[in-house]
C-alpha atoms as a PDB file:
ATOM      1  CA  MET A   1     -70.846  15.287  31.038  1.00  0.00           C
ATOM      2  CA  ARG A   2     -73.826  17.582  30.438  1.00  0.00           C
ATOM      3  CA  LYS A   3     -72.277  20.194  32.737  1.00  0.00           C
ATOM      4  CA  LEU A   4     -69.022  20.107  30.767  1.00  0.00           C
ATOM      5  CA  PHE A   5     -70.939  20.468  27.477  1.00  0.00           C
ATOM      6  CA  LEU A   6     -72.883  23.416  28.928  1.00  0.00           C
ATOM      7  CA  LEU A   7     -69.640  25.000  30.154  1.00  0.00           C
ATOM      8  CA  ILE A   8     -67.991  24.664  26.735  1.00  0.00           C
ATOM      9  CA  SER A   9     -71.100  26.032  24.983  1.00  0.00           C
ATOM     10  CA  LEU A  10     -71.190  29.020  27.339  1.00  0.00           C
ATOM     11  CA  THR A  11     -67.503  29.696  26.716  1.00  0.00           C
ATOM     12  CA  ILE A  12     -68.005  29.630  22.944  1.00  0.00           C
ATOM     13  CA  SER A  13     -70.927  32.036  23.317  1.00  0.00           C
ATOM     14  CA  LEU A  14     -68.820  34.469  25.325  1.00  0.00           C
ATOM     15  CA  THR A  15     -66.350  34.851  22.456  1.00  0.00           C
ATOM     16  CA  SER A  16     -69.005  36.575  20.379  1.00  0.00           C
ATOM     17  CA  PHE A  17     -69.256  39.306  23.027  1.00  0.00           C
ATOM     18  CA  GLY A  18     -65.472  39.963  23.235  1.00  0.00           C
ATOM     19  CA  GLN A  19     -63.903  43.382  22.907  1.00  0.00           C
ATOM     20  CA  GLU A  20     -62.804  44.631  19.508  1.00  0.00           C
ATOM     21  CA  THR A  21     -59.375  43.345  18.496  1.00  0.00           C
ATOM     22  CA  THR A  22     -56.547  45.857  18.798  1.00  0.00           C
ATOM     23  CA  ASP A  23     -53.608  46.216  16.398  1.00  0.00           C
ATOM     24  CA  GLU A  24     -51.321  44.366  18.786  1.00  0.00           C
ATOM     25  CA  LEU A  25     -53.397  41.566  20.308  1.00  0.00           C
ATOM     26  CA  SER A  26     -55.871  39.226  18.659  1.00  0.00           C
ATOM     27  CA  LYS A  27     -58.623  36.801  19.596  1.00  0.00           C
ATOM     28  CA  VAL A  28     -57.191  33.286  19.683  1.00  0.00           C
ATOM     29  CA  PHE A  29     -58.824  29.862  19.890  1.00  0.00           C
ATOM     30  CA  ARG A  30     -56.485  27.097  21.135  1.00  0.00           C
ATOM     31  CA  ILE A  31     -56.680  23.376  21.652  1.00  0.00           C
ATOM     32  CA  ASN A  32     -54.475  22.430  24.618  1.00  0.00           C
ATOM     33  CA  ALA A  33     -52.891  18.984  24.774  1.00  0.00           C
ATOM     34  CA  LEU A  34     -51.532  18.907  28.357  1.00  0.00           C
ATOM     35  CA  ASN A  35     -54.576  18.979  30.583  1.00  0.00           C
ATOM     36  CA  PRO A  36     -56.805  18.862  27.484  1.00  0.00           C
ATOM     37  CA  GLY A  37     -58.959  21.922  27.029  1.00  0.00           C
ATOM     38  CA  LEU A  38     -60.415  24.461  24.627  1.00  0.00           C
ATOM     39  CA  GLU A  39     -58.998  27.921  25.311  1.00  0.00           C
ATOM     40  CA  PHE A  40     -60.323  31.268  24.132  1.00  0.00           C
ATOM     41  CA  GLU A  41     -58.054  34.286  24.631  1.00  0.00           C
ATOM     42  CA  LEU A  42     -59.710  37.661  24.104  1.00  0.00           C
ATOM     43  CA  PRO A  43     -58.053  41.106  24.128  1.00  0.00           C
ATOM     44  CA  ILE A  44     -59.615  43.604  26.547  1.00  0.00           C
ATOM     45  CA  SER A  45     -57.099  46.454  26.001  1.00  0.00           C
ATOM     46  CA  LYS A  46     -53.953  47.147  23.959  1.00  0.00           C
ATOM     47  CA  LYS A  47     -51.812  45.073  26.356  1.00  0.00           C
ATOM     48  CA  SER A  48     -54.264  42.823  28.230  1.00  0.00           C
ATOM     49  CA  THR A  49     -56.232  39.664  27.524  1.00  0.00           C
ATOM     50  CA  ILE A  50     -58.555  37.328  29.353  1.00  0.00           C
ATOM     51  CA  ALA A  51     -58.377  33.588  28.746  1.00  0.00           C
ATOM     52  CA  ILE A  52     -61.151  31.078  29.326  1.00  0.00           C
ATOM     53  CA  ASN A  53     -60.075  27.426  29.300  1.00  0.00           C
ATOM     54  CA  PRO A  54     -62.545  24.627  30.142  1.00  0.00           C
ATOM     55  CA  GLY A  55     -61.168  21.097  30.055  1.00  0.00           C
ATOM     56  CA  ILE A  56     -60.273  17.915  31.892  1.00  0.00           C
ATOM     57  CA  GLY A  57     -56.979  17.661  33.762  1.00  0.00           C
ATOM     58  CA  ILE A  58     -54.750  15.943  36.288  1.00  0.00           C
ATOM     59  CA  HIS A  59     -54.508  17.660  39.673  1.00  0.00           C
ATOM     60  CA  GLY A  60     -52.524  17.161  42.854  1.00  0.00           C
ATOM     61  CA  SER A  61     -53.683  17.445  46.438  1.00  0.00           C
ATOM     62  CA  TYR A  62     -53.807  20.295  48.943  1.00  0.00           C
ATOM     63  CA  MET A  63     -53.402  19.591  52.628  1.00  0.00           C
ATOM     64  CA  HIS A  64     -56.581  21.385  53.786  1.00  0.00           C
ATOM     65  CA  LEU A  65     -58.902  20.140  51.009  1.00  0.00           C
ATOM     66  CA  GLU A  66     -58.515  16.383  51.500  1.00  0.00           C
ATOM     67  CA  TYR A  67     -59.342  14.104  54.385  1.00  0.00           C
ATOM     68  CA  ASP A  68     -56.351  13.449  56.585  1.00  0.00           C
ATOM     69  CA  TYR A  69     -55.143  10.044  55.488  1.00  0.00           C
ATOM     70  CA  LEU A  70     -51.576   8.843  55.773  1.00  0.00           C
ATOM     71  CA  VAL A  71     -51.018   7.737  52.220  1.00  0.00           C
ATOM     72  CA  SER A  72     -47.742   6.904  50.583  1.00  0.00           C
ATOM     73  CA  GLY A  73     -47.008   6.800  46.873  1.00  0.00           C
ATOM     74  CA  VAL A  74     -48.549   8.659  43.993  1.00  0.00           C
ATOM     75  CA  THR A  75     -51.585  10.858  44.628  1.00  0.00           C
ATOM     76  CA  TYR A  76     -53.656  12.596  41.945  1.00  0.00           C
ATOM     77  CA  TYR A  77     -57.148  13.074  40.634  1.00  0.00           C
ATOM     78  CA  ILE A  78     -58.586  13.709  37.171  1.00  0.00           C
ATOM     79  CA  SER A  79     -61.481  16.132  36.943  1.00  0.00           C
ATOM     80  CA  PRO A  80     -63.160  18.726  34.743  1.00  0.00           C
ATOM     81  CA  PHE A  81     -61.861  22.261  35.308  1.00  0.00           C
ATOM     82  CA  LEU A  82     -62.479  25.863  34.327  1.00  0.00           C
ATOM     83  CA  ASP A  83     -59.364  28.039  34.174  1.00  0.00           C
ATOM     84  CA  LEU A  84     -59.880  31.815  33.942  1.00  0.00           C
ATOM     85  CA  SER A  85     -56.944  34.191  33.682  1.00  0.00           C
ATOM     86  CA  TYR A  86     -56.156  37.832  33.107  1.00  0.00           C
ATOM     87  CA  LYS A  87     -52.825  38.523  31.356  1.00  0.00           C
ATOM     88  CA  LYS A  88     -51.049  41.874  31.080  1.00  0.00           C
ATOM     89  CA  ILE A  89     -48.496  41.285  28.302  1.00  0.00           C
ATOM     90  CA  TYR A  90     -45.676  43.724  28.992  1.00  0.00           C
ATOM     91  CA  ASN A  91     -42.836  43.148  26.522  1.00  0.00           C
ATOM     92  CA  ARG A  92     -44.403  43.223  23.041  1.00  0.00           C
ATOM     93  CA  THR A  93     -42.700  46.473  21.967  1.00  0.00           C
ATOM     94  CA  LYS A  94     -39.298  45.099  22.966  1.00  0.00           C
ATOM     95  CA  ARG A  95     -40.004  41.802  21.174  1.00  0.00           C
ATOM     96  CA  GLN A  96     -41.084  43.690  18.054  1.00  0.00           C
ATOM     97  CA  SER A  97     -37.924  45.871  18.042  1.00  0.00           C
ATOM     98  CA  LYS A  98     -35.813  42.685  18.161  1.00  0.00           C
ATOM     99  CA  GLY A  99     -37.796  41.116  15.307  1.00  0.00           C
ATOM    100  CA  LYS A 100     -39.270  38.389  17.503  1.00  0.00           C
ATOM    101  CA  ASN A 101     -42.595  36.677  16.913  1.00  0.00           C
ATOM    102  CA  LEU A 102     -45.749  38.462  18.160  1.00  0.00           C
ATOM    103  CA  ASN A 103     -48.257  36.042  16.602  1.00  0.00           C
ATOM    104  CA  TYR A 104     -51.022  34.579  18.746  1.00  0.00           C
ATOM    105  CA  ASN A 105     -50.290  37.079  21.577  1.00  0.00           C
ATOM    106  CA  SER A 106     -46.708  35.883  22.174  1.00  0.00           C
ATOM    107  CA  GLY A 107     -44.970  37.652  25.053  1.00  0.00           C
ATOM    108  CA  ASN A 108     -44.177  37.727  28.761  1.00  0.00           C
ATOM    109  CA  TYR A 109     -46.990  38.565  31.140  1.00  0.00           C
ATOM    110  CA  TRP A 110     -48.115  38.975  34.695  1.00  0.00           C
ATOM    111  CA  GLY A 111     -51.681  38.294  35.672  1.00  0.00           C
ATOM    112  CA  ILE A 112     -54.280  36.735  37.920  1.00  0.00           C
ATOM    113  CA  ARG A 113     -55.598  33.186  37.650  1.00  0.00           C
ATOM    114  CA  LEU A 114     -58.688  31.445  39.010  1.00  0.00           C
ATOM    115  CA  LEU A 115     -58.778  27.677  38.544  1.00  0.00           C
ATOM    116  CA  THR A 116     -61.936  25.769  39.484  1.00  0.00           C
ATOM    117  CA  ASN A 117     -61.798  21.971  39.833  1.00  0.00           C
ATOM    118  CA  PHE A 118     -64.998  19.931  39.803  1.00  0.00           C
ATOM    119  CA  LYS A 119     -65.957  16.393  40.917  1.00  0.00           C
ATOM    120  CA  GLU A 120     -63.227  13.908  40.069  1.00  0.00           C
ATOM    121  CA  ILE A 121     -63.654  11.321  37.350  1.00  0.00           C
ATOM    122  CA  GLU A 122     -60.752   9.216  38.645  1.00  0.00           C
ATOM    123  CA  SER A 123     -58.501   9.487  41.702  1.00  0.00           C
ATOM    124  CA  LYS A 124     -55.555   7.728  43.316  1.00  0.00           C
ATOM    125  CA  ASN A 125     -55.039   8.036  47.089  1.00  0.00           C
ATOM    126  CA  ILE A 126     -56.942  11.339  47.349  1.00  0.00           C
ATOM    127  CA  TYR A 127     -60.171  11.731  49.300  1.00  0.00           C
ATOM    128  CA  ARG A 128     -61.493  15.249  48.721  1.00  0.00           C
ATOM    129  CA  ILE A 129     -63.734  16.887  51.333  1.00  0.00           C
ATOM    130  CA  ASP A 130     -65.722  18.787  48.672  1.00  0.00           C
ATOM    131  CA  ASP A 131     -66.411  18.159  44.975  1.00  0.00           C
ATOM    132  CA  ILE A 132     -65.540  21.751  43.998  1.00  0.00           C
ATOM    133  CA  SER A 133     -62.313  23.584  44.819  1.00  0.00           C
ATOM    134  CA  PHE A 134     -60.670  26.823  43.707  1.00  0.00           C
ATOM    135  CA  ASP A 135     -57.087  28.109  43.287  1.00  0.00           C
ATOM    136  CA  PHE A 136     -56.646  31.881  43.076  1.00  0.00           C
ATOM    137  CA  GLY A 137     -53.488  33.945  42.806  1.00  0.00           C
ATOM    138  CA  PRO A 138     -51.091  36.165  40.878  1.00  0.00           C
ATOM    139  CA  THR A 139     -48.988  34.704  38.077  1.00  0.00           C
ATOM    140  CA  TRP A 140     -45.943  35.521  36.002  1.00  0.00           C
ATOM    141  CA  GLY A 141     -45.462  33.686  32.743  1.00  0.00           C
ATOM    142  CA  ILE A 142     -44.518  33.436  29.107  1.00  0.00           C
ATOM    143  CA  GLN A 143     -46.500  32.347  26.097  1.00  0.00           C
ATOM    144  CA  ARG A 144     -45.026  31.706  22.681  1.00  0.00           C
ATOM    145  CA  ALA A 145     -46.242  30.647  19.263  1.00  0.00           C
ATOM    146  CA  TYR A 146     -44.036  28.469  17.093  1.00  0.00           C
ATOM    147  CA  GLY A 147     -46.007  28.446  13.877  1.00  0.00           C
ATOM    148  CA  LYS A 148     -49.369  27.097  15.001  1.00  0.00           C
ATOM    149  CA  MET A 149     -47.899  25.393  18.099  1.00  0.00           C
ATOM    150  CA  HIS A 150     -48.498  27.072  21.467  1.00  0.00           C
ATOM    151  CA  LEU A 151     -46.344  27.017  24.612  1.00  0.00           C
ATOM    152  CA  LEU A 152     -47.375  28.581  27.916  1.00  0.00           C
ATOM    153  CA  PHE A 153     -45.561  28.444  31.248  1.00  0.00           C
ATOM    154  CA  ASP A 154     -46.542  30.393  34.327  1.00  0.00           C
ATOM    155  CA  MET A 155     -46.043  30.294  38.074  1.00  0.00           C
ATOM    156  CA  GLY A 156     -47.139  32.039  41.228  1.00  0.00           C
ATOM    157  CA  PRO A 157     -48.486  31.541  44.747  1.00  0.00           C
ATOM    158  CA  VAL A 158     -52.092  30.439  45.252  1.00  0.00           C
ATOM    159  CA  TYR A 159     -54.750  30.701  47.879  1.00  0.00           C
ATOM    160  CA  TYR A 160     -56.898  27.555  47.629  1.00  0.00           C
ATOM    161  CA  PHE A 161     -60.359  26.958  49.074  1.00  0.00           C
ATOM    162  CA  ASP A 162     -63.524  24.909  48.675  1.00  0.00           C
ATOM    163  CA  THR A 163     -67.231  25.585  49.159  1.00  0.00           C
ATOM    164  CA  LYS A 164     -67.198  24.081  52.687  1.00  0.00           C
ATOM    165  CA  GLY A 165     -64.865  26.760  54.085  1.00  0.00           C
ATOM    166  CA  ASN A 166     -61.579  24.837  54.009  1.00  0.00           C
ATOM    167  CA  SER A 167     -58.627  26.852  52.743  1.00  0.00           C
ATOM    168  CA  GLY A 168     -54.899  27.295  52.686  1.00  0.00           C
ATOM    169  CA  PHE A 169     -51.933  28.853  50.912  1.00  0.00           C
ATOM    170  CA  PHE A 170     -49.413  27.188  48.608  1.00  0.00           C
ATOM    171  CA  PRO A 171     -46.224  29.147  47.791  1.00  0.00           C
ATOM    172  CA  ILE A 172     -45.807  28.127  44.149  1.00  0.00           C
ATOM    173  CA  MET A 173     -48.194  26.800  41.531  1.00  0.00           C
ATOM    174  CA  LEU A 174     -46.782  25.857  38.126  1.00  0.00           C
ATOM    175  CA  GLN A 175     -48.665  25.602  34.844  1.00  0.00           C
ATOM    176  CA  LEU A 176     -47.314  24.172  31.591  1.00  0.00           C
ATOM    177  CA  ASN A 177     -49.479  24.105  28.493  1.00  0.00           C
ATOM    178  CA  LEU A 178     -48.649  22.779  25.052  1.00  0.00           C
ATOM    179  CA  GLY A 179     -51.212  23.051  22.356  1.00  0.00           C
ATOM    180  CA  PHE A 180     -52.317  24.149  18.935  1.00  0.00           C
ATOM    181  CA  ASN A 181     -53.350  27.687  17.949  1.00  0.00           C
ATOM    182  CA  ALA A 182     -56.385  26.732  15.885  1.00  0.00           C
ATOM    183  CA  LYS A 183     -57.674  30.174  14.874  1.00  0.00           C
ATOM    184  CA  LYS A 184     -56.763  33.856  15.167  1.00  0.00           C
ATOM    185  CA  TRP A 185     -59.103  36.699  14.314  1.00  0.00           C
END
């Protein structure tokens, strides 16, 4: 729990060192409901942002990162995570010309995502080889603001690995986030 508190404190500190906000993109603080987390999205150029999202979430299994047990039924684990992503938002001009919402960095994007999962709090039929694992890969997605509500969906292939040298490739990783845009500045 102390590590999670330290991680959240560090993330909050990093927002004070963010790049200056451009006319098009803004700094956004979000509270995510699915896979609960606190997300900070910071502009780094006129069309790009980085997002830092520490939280606690539900995760599935990867073949090379768990012990080889023949298990039937539901498998999952709940653990703290740190989700870092770079987003290049490419359709804001087109959205603006059609009169669509640009608030809270709404738009389509492509990017890169690094998801780190830590020691599980709870698990069902999963026996992980290592307490820390990583997912890394390109993404394509959309994010929209509906008033203060936030919707994000992205997908892409991932290369997954742990600190013991186990690794593999998964052809499609999906992310769905619903949350609340708490502050924009």
